[in-house]
Protein backbone atom coordinates (compact mmCIF):
# COMPACT_ATOMS: atom_id res chain seq x y z
CA MET A 1 -25.40 23.51 8.82
CA ARG A 2 -24.80 19.75 8.60
CA ASP A 3 -24.65 20.01 4.81
CA ASP A 4 -21.90 22.61 5.14
CA ARG A 5 -19.90 20.35 7.48
CA LEU A 6 -20.40 17.44 5.08
CA ALA A 7 -19.11 19.55 2.19
CA GLU A 8 -16.05 20.48 4.25
CA ALA A 9 -15.44 16.83 5.06
CA LEU A 10 -15.73 15.77 1.43
CA VAL A 11 -13.17 18.37 0.40
CA GLU A 12 -10.92 17.31 3.29
CA PHE A 13 -10.89 13.65 2.31
CA ALA A 14 -10.47 14.29 -1.40
CA ASP A 15 -7.17 16.11 -0.76
CA THR A 16 -4.54 13.43 -0.17
CA LEU A 17 -1.86 14.71 -2.53
CA VAL A 18 0.39 16.16 0.15
CA ASP A 19 4.00 15.26 0.89
CA ASP A 20 3.35 14.33 4.51
CA PHE A 21 0.21 12.24 3.90
CA ASP A 22 -0.43 9.87 6.83
CA VAL A 23 -2.96 7.12 6.12
CA ILE A 24 -3.54 6.34 9.81
CA ASP A 25 -4.27 9.97 10.65
CA PHE A 26 -6.48 10.18 7.56
CA LEU A 27 -8.57 7.19 8.69
CA HIS A 28 -8.85 8.42 12.28
CA ARG A 29 -10.14 11.74 10.98
CA LEU A 30 -12.62 9.89 8.79
CA ALA A 31 -13.90 7.90 11.77
CA ALA A 32 -14.30 11.07 13.80
CA ARG A 33 -16.16 12.80 10.98
CA CYS A 34 -18.57 9.89 10.66
CA VAL A 35 -19.47 10.17 14.35
CA GLU A 36 -19.78 13.95 14.05
CA LEU A 37 -21.97 14.00 10.96
CA LEU A 38 -24.05 10.81 11.20
CA ASP A 39 -26.47 9.44 13.77
CA VAL A 40 -23.91 6.93 15.05
CA ASP A 41 -21.96 6.57 18.28
CA ALA A 42 -18.74 5.05 16.98
CA ALA A 43 -16.95 4.25 13.74
CA ALA A 44 -14.04 2.07 12.68
CA LEU A 45 -12.12 1.68 9.44
CA MET A 46 -10.60 -1.41 7.84
CA LEU A 47 -8.36 -1.55 4.79
CA ALA A 48 -7.24 -4.60 2.83
CA ASP A 49 -3.52 -5.36 2.82
CA GLN A 50 -1.50 -6.50 -0.20
CA TYR A 51 -2.85 -10.02 0.26
CA GLY A 52 -6.48 -8.93 0.32
CA GLN A 53 -6.81 -9.46 4.09
CA LEU A 54 -8.70 -6.87 6.12
CA ARG A 55 -6.78 -4.97 8.77
CA VAL A 56 -8.24 -2.69 11.45
CA LEU A 57 -6.45 0.65 11.12
CA ALA A 58 -8.55 3.27 12.92
CA SER A 59 -11.53 3.63 15.24
CA SER A 60 -13.27 6.38 17.15
CA SER A 61 -13.54 4.25 20.29
CA GLU A 62 -11.98 1.18 21.87
CA GLU A 63 -15.29 -0.68 21.57
CA ALA A 64 -15.52 -0.07 17.82
CA GLY A 65 -11.94 -1.25 17.36
CA LEU A 66 -12.62 -4.45 19.32
CA MET A 67 -15.68 -5.19 17.22
CA ASP A 68 -13.72 -4.89 13.99
CA LEU A 69 -10.80 -6.88 15.38
CA LEU A 70 -13.07 -9.82 16.26
CA GLN A 71 -14.59 -9.81 12.78
CA VAL A 72 -11.12 -9.96 11.24
CA GLN A 73 -9.97 -12.70 13.61
CA THR A 74 -13.05 -14.86 13.03
CA ASP A 75 -13.37 -13.94 9.34
CA SER A 76 -17.06 -13.34 9.94
CA GLY A 77 -19.55 -10.58 10.55
CA PRO A 78 -21.16 -7.77 8.55
CA SER A 79 -17.81 -6.10 7.81
CA VAL A 80 -16.36 -9.22 6.18
CA LEU A 81 -19.55 -9.79 4.20
CA CYS A 82 -19.56 -6.16 3.09
CA PHE A 83 -15.97 -6.40 1.88
CA ARG A 84 -16.59 -9.61 -0.04
CA ARG A 85 -19.77 -8.41 -1.70
CA GLY A 86 -18.75 -4.81 -2.17
CA GLU A 87 -22.20 -3.76 -0.93
CA PRO A 88 -23.50 -2.15 2.29
CA VAL A 89 -24.58 -4.53 5.04
CA TYR A 90 -27.05 -3.01 7.51
CA THR A 91 -27.67 -4.77 10.82
CA PRO A 92 -30.15 -2.62 12.76
CA ASP A 93 -30.31 -5.10 15.66
CA VAL A 94 -27.28 -7.20 16.62
CA ALA A 95 -29.59 -9.75 18.25
CA LYS A 96 -30.36 -10.84 14.69
CA MET A 97 -26.69 -11.87 14.27
CA ASP A 98 -26.97 -14.82 16.65
CA GLY A 99 -27.99 -17.28 13.98
CA ARG A 100 -25.21 -16.28 11.55
CA TRP A 101 -22.40 -14.65 13.57
CA PRO A 102 -23.00 -15.56 17.23
CA ALA A 103 -19.56 -14.51 18.49
CA VAL A 104 -19.80 -11.10 16.83
CA GLY A 105 -23.34 -10.53 18.10
CA ARG A 106 -22.39 -11.56 21.63
CA LEU A 107 -19.42 -9.18 21.75
CA ALA A 108 -21.53 -6.34 20.34
CA ARG A 109 -24.03 -6.69 23.17
CA GLU A 110 -21.24 -6.91 25.75
CA LEU A 111 -19.86 -3.64 24.40
CA ASP A 112 -23.33 -2.06 24.35
CA LEU A 113 -23.31 -1.69 20.57
CA HIS A 114 -26.72 -2.71 19.26
CA ALA A 115 -26.63 -1.73 15.59
CA VAL A 116 -23.84 -2.23 13.04
CA HIS A 117 -23.75 -0.77 9.55
CA ALA A 118 -20.90 -1.69 7.20
CA LEU A 119 -20.20 0.43 4.11
CA PRO A 120 -17.76 -0.65 1.40
CA MET A 121 -14.86 1.61 0.52
CA ARG A 122 -15.17 1.00 -3.18
CA LEU A 123 -14.42 2.63 -6.50
CA ARG A 124 -16.22 0.85 -9.32
CA THR A 125 -15.19 -2.81 -8.94
CA GLU A 126 -12.24 -2.23 -6.60
CA VAL A 127 -13.01 -2.62 -2.89
CA ILE A 128 -10.16 -1.46 -0.65
CA GLY A 129 -11.82 -1.63 2.76
CA VAL A 130 -14.88 -1.12 4.94
CA ALA A 131 -16.25 1.76 7.00
CA ASN A 132 -18.16 0.44 10.01
CA LEU A 133 -20.74 2.52 11.86
CA PHE A 134 -22.03 1.53 15.31
CA ARG A 135 -24.99 2.66 17.41
CA VAL A 136 -25.68 2.01 21.09
CA ARG A 137 -29.39 1.60 20.32
CA PRO A 138 -31.01 -0.63 17.72
CA GLY A 139 -32.34 0.92 14.56
CA LEU A 140 -31.60 1.48 10.89
CA LEU A 141 -29.85 4.64 9.81
CA SER A 142 -32.04 7.14 8.01
CA GLU A 143 -31.83 7.24 4.24
CA GLN A 144 -30.08 10.60 4.47
CA ASP A 145 -27.45 9.25 6.86
CA ARG A 146 -26.90 6.21 4.68
CA ARG A 147 -26.32 8.47 1.67
CA MET A 148 -23.98 10.70 3.65
CA GLY A 149 -22.10 7.70 4.98
CA ARG A 150 -21.65 6.31 1.50
CA ALA A 151 -20.50 9.72 0.24
CA LEU A 152 -17.83 9.93 2.95
CA ALA A 153 -16.66 6.38 2.25
CA ASP A 154 -16.58 6.97 -1.51
CA VAL A 155 -14.63 10.22 -1.36
CA ALA A 156 -12.17 8.76 1.15
CA THR A 157 -11.68 5.77 -1.17
CA ILE A 158 -10.97 8.02 -4.14
CA GLY A 159 -8.48 9.99 -2.05
CA LEU A 160 -6.68 6.85 -0.88
CA LEU A 161 -6.49 5.37 -4.38
CA GLN A 162 -5.27 8.69 -5.74
CA GLU A 163 -2.51 8.76 -3.12
CA ARG A 164 -1.56 5.13 -3.85
CA THR A 165 -1.32 5.89 -7.57
CA LEU A 166 0.91 8.89 -6.91
CA ARG A 167 3.08 6.84 -4.55
CA ARG A 168 3.47 4.08 -7.16
CA ARG A 169 4.44 6.67 -9.76
CA ARG A 170 7.04 8.11 -7.42
CA VAL A 171 8.46 4.66 -6.74
CA LEU A 172 8.61 3.92 -10.47
CA ALA A 173 10.28 7.27 -11.13
CA GLU A 174 12.84 6.58 -8.38
CA GLN A 175 13.48 3.10 -9.76
CA LEU A 176 13.96 4.52 -13.26
CA GLN A 177 16.37 7.16 -12.00
CA THR A 178 18.31 4.52 -10.09
CA ALA A 179 18.47 2.35 -13.20
CA LEU A 180 19.72 5.26 -15.29
CA THR A 181 22.37 6.15 -12.72
CA THR A 182 23.47 2.51 -12.50
CA ARG A 183 23.73 2.29 -16.27
CA VAL A 184 26.02 5.32 -16.36
CA VAL A 185 28.33 3.78 -13.75
CA ILE A 186 28.42 0.46 -15.63
CA GLU A 187 29.31 2.24 -18.87
CA GLN A 188 32.08 4.09 -17.06
CA ALA A 189 33.41 0.82 -15.64
CA LYS A 190 33.34 -0.79 -19.09
CA GLY A 191 35.37 2.13 -20.40
CA VAL A 192 37.93 1.77 -17.60
CA LEU A 193 38.34 -1.97 -18.26
CA ALA A 194 38.48 -1.53 -22.03
CA GLU A 195 41.22 1.06 -21.70
CA ARG A 196 43.24 -0.78 -19.05
CA PHE A 197 43.13 -4.25 -20.62
CA THR A 198 42.79 -3.30 -24.30
CA LEU A 199 39.33 -4.80 -24.78
CA ASP A 200 36.34 -3.80 -26.80
CA MET A 201 33.27 -2.73 -24.85
CA ASP A 202 31.46 -6.07 -25.16
CA ALA A 203 34.45 -7.96 -23.78
CA ALA A 204 34.82 -5.38 -21.01
CA PHE A 205 31.21 -5.97 -20.00
CA ARG A 206 31.77 -9.72 -19.89
CA VAL A 207 34.74 -9.19 -17.58
CA LEU A 208 32.65 -6.96 -15.35
CA ARG A 209 29.83 -9.48 -15.23
CA GLU A 210 32.10 -12.47 -14.54
CA TYR A 211 33.91 -10.59 -11.80
CA ALA A 212 30.56 -9.77 -10.16
CA ARG A 213 29.38 -13.37 -10.41
CA SER A 214 32.61 -14.78 -9.01
CA ARG A 215 32.23 -12.57 -5.94
CA ARG A 216 28.44 -12.84 -5.73
CA GLU A 217 28.13 -9.08 -5.81
CA ARG A 218 25.74 -6.86 -7.68
CA LEU A 219 26.90 -5.66 -11.07
CA SER A 220 26.25 -2.05 -10.10
CA ASP A 221 28.39 -2.38 -6.94
CA VAL A 222 31.27 -3.96 -8.86
CA ALA A 223 31.06 -1.22 -11.48
CA GLY A 224 31.44 1.36 -8.74
CA HIS A 225 34.48 -0.46 -7.36
CA VAL A 226 36.09 -0.48 -10.81
CA VAL A 227 35.44 3.21 -11.38
CA ARG A 228 36.89 4.07 -7.95
CA ASN A 229 39.89 1.76 -8.54
CA GLU A 230 38.85 -0.45 -5.62
CA ALA A 231 38.55 -3.75 -7.52
CA ASP A 232 41.01 -6.65 -7.52
CA LEU A 233 43.21 -5.90 -10.52
CA ALA A 234 44.80 -9.36 -10.60
CA THR A 235 41.42 -11.08 -10.91
CA LEU A 236 40.23 -8.53 -13.45
CA GLY A 237 43.40 -9.01 -15.47
CA ALA A 238 42.95 -12.80 -15.57
CA LEU A 239 39.33 -12.42 -16.65
CA ALA A 240 40.33 -9.83 -19.24
CA HIS A 241 42.95 -12.19 -20.66
CA ASP A 242 40.34 -14.94 -21.03
CA ALA A 243 37.84 -12.52 -22.56
CA GLY A 244 40.38 -11.17 -25.00
CA ALA A 245 41.56 -14.66 -25.99
CA SER A 246 37.99 -15.80 -26.65
CA ASP A 247 36.93 -12.67 -28.54
CA PRO A 248 38.32 -12.20 -32.04
CA HIS A 249 36.98 -8.63 -32.06
CA SER A 250 39.03 -7.51 -29.05
CA ARG A 251 41.65 -4.92 -29.75
CA PRO A 252 45.17 -6.34 -29.98
CA GLY A 253 47.51 -5.65 -27.07
């Protein structure tokens, strides 16, 4: 029965390619599944931000969230060590933390959490976060639970990286489409200026660029103004005169 629920969870966390993907909801569901499937009482999830700093994003209980928050704030504890090493850190008795992480160990006991197990969210050499598992009684997780915990963390990591890759591709595609659209507008504006002021296309582009610089506006915005006949014709005419005078290839007036 537990194997069936684990299989369902693995399928659930592998499927992140949906339009309404919500990373916070995803991580909260992962924390809940860890508590459901493993011999733990609470779970919390951290992910690294763009600067490589851990951030607490989800937890199954307030106590688990507080434990992770303290580790982030003090830059210490099994979660931080797990993230840096990219390896699991098992602490079956938080009393053993006193020599290395006294503040973390003290808070754990105050919150009645007596065992902490940190699992890296890692794909090959890339570590994107940590899954933390807490127990109210001391003791090491069974080998089976450790394997299941790692499987959940690994599949969730693959799902998150897959979603990030898709999102980056979408952003790049949108940027490319924007660039192509902008280029079309700029070419149209060059044509308008070339026709109006009897310039070749290179000179028309120089006029467009100088006009944008003089007004500290984006080239694409100025091109739109020219196409819609919203630009300052007097200034454009003066720039066109200078461009035509300096360009022997401009068409004669």
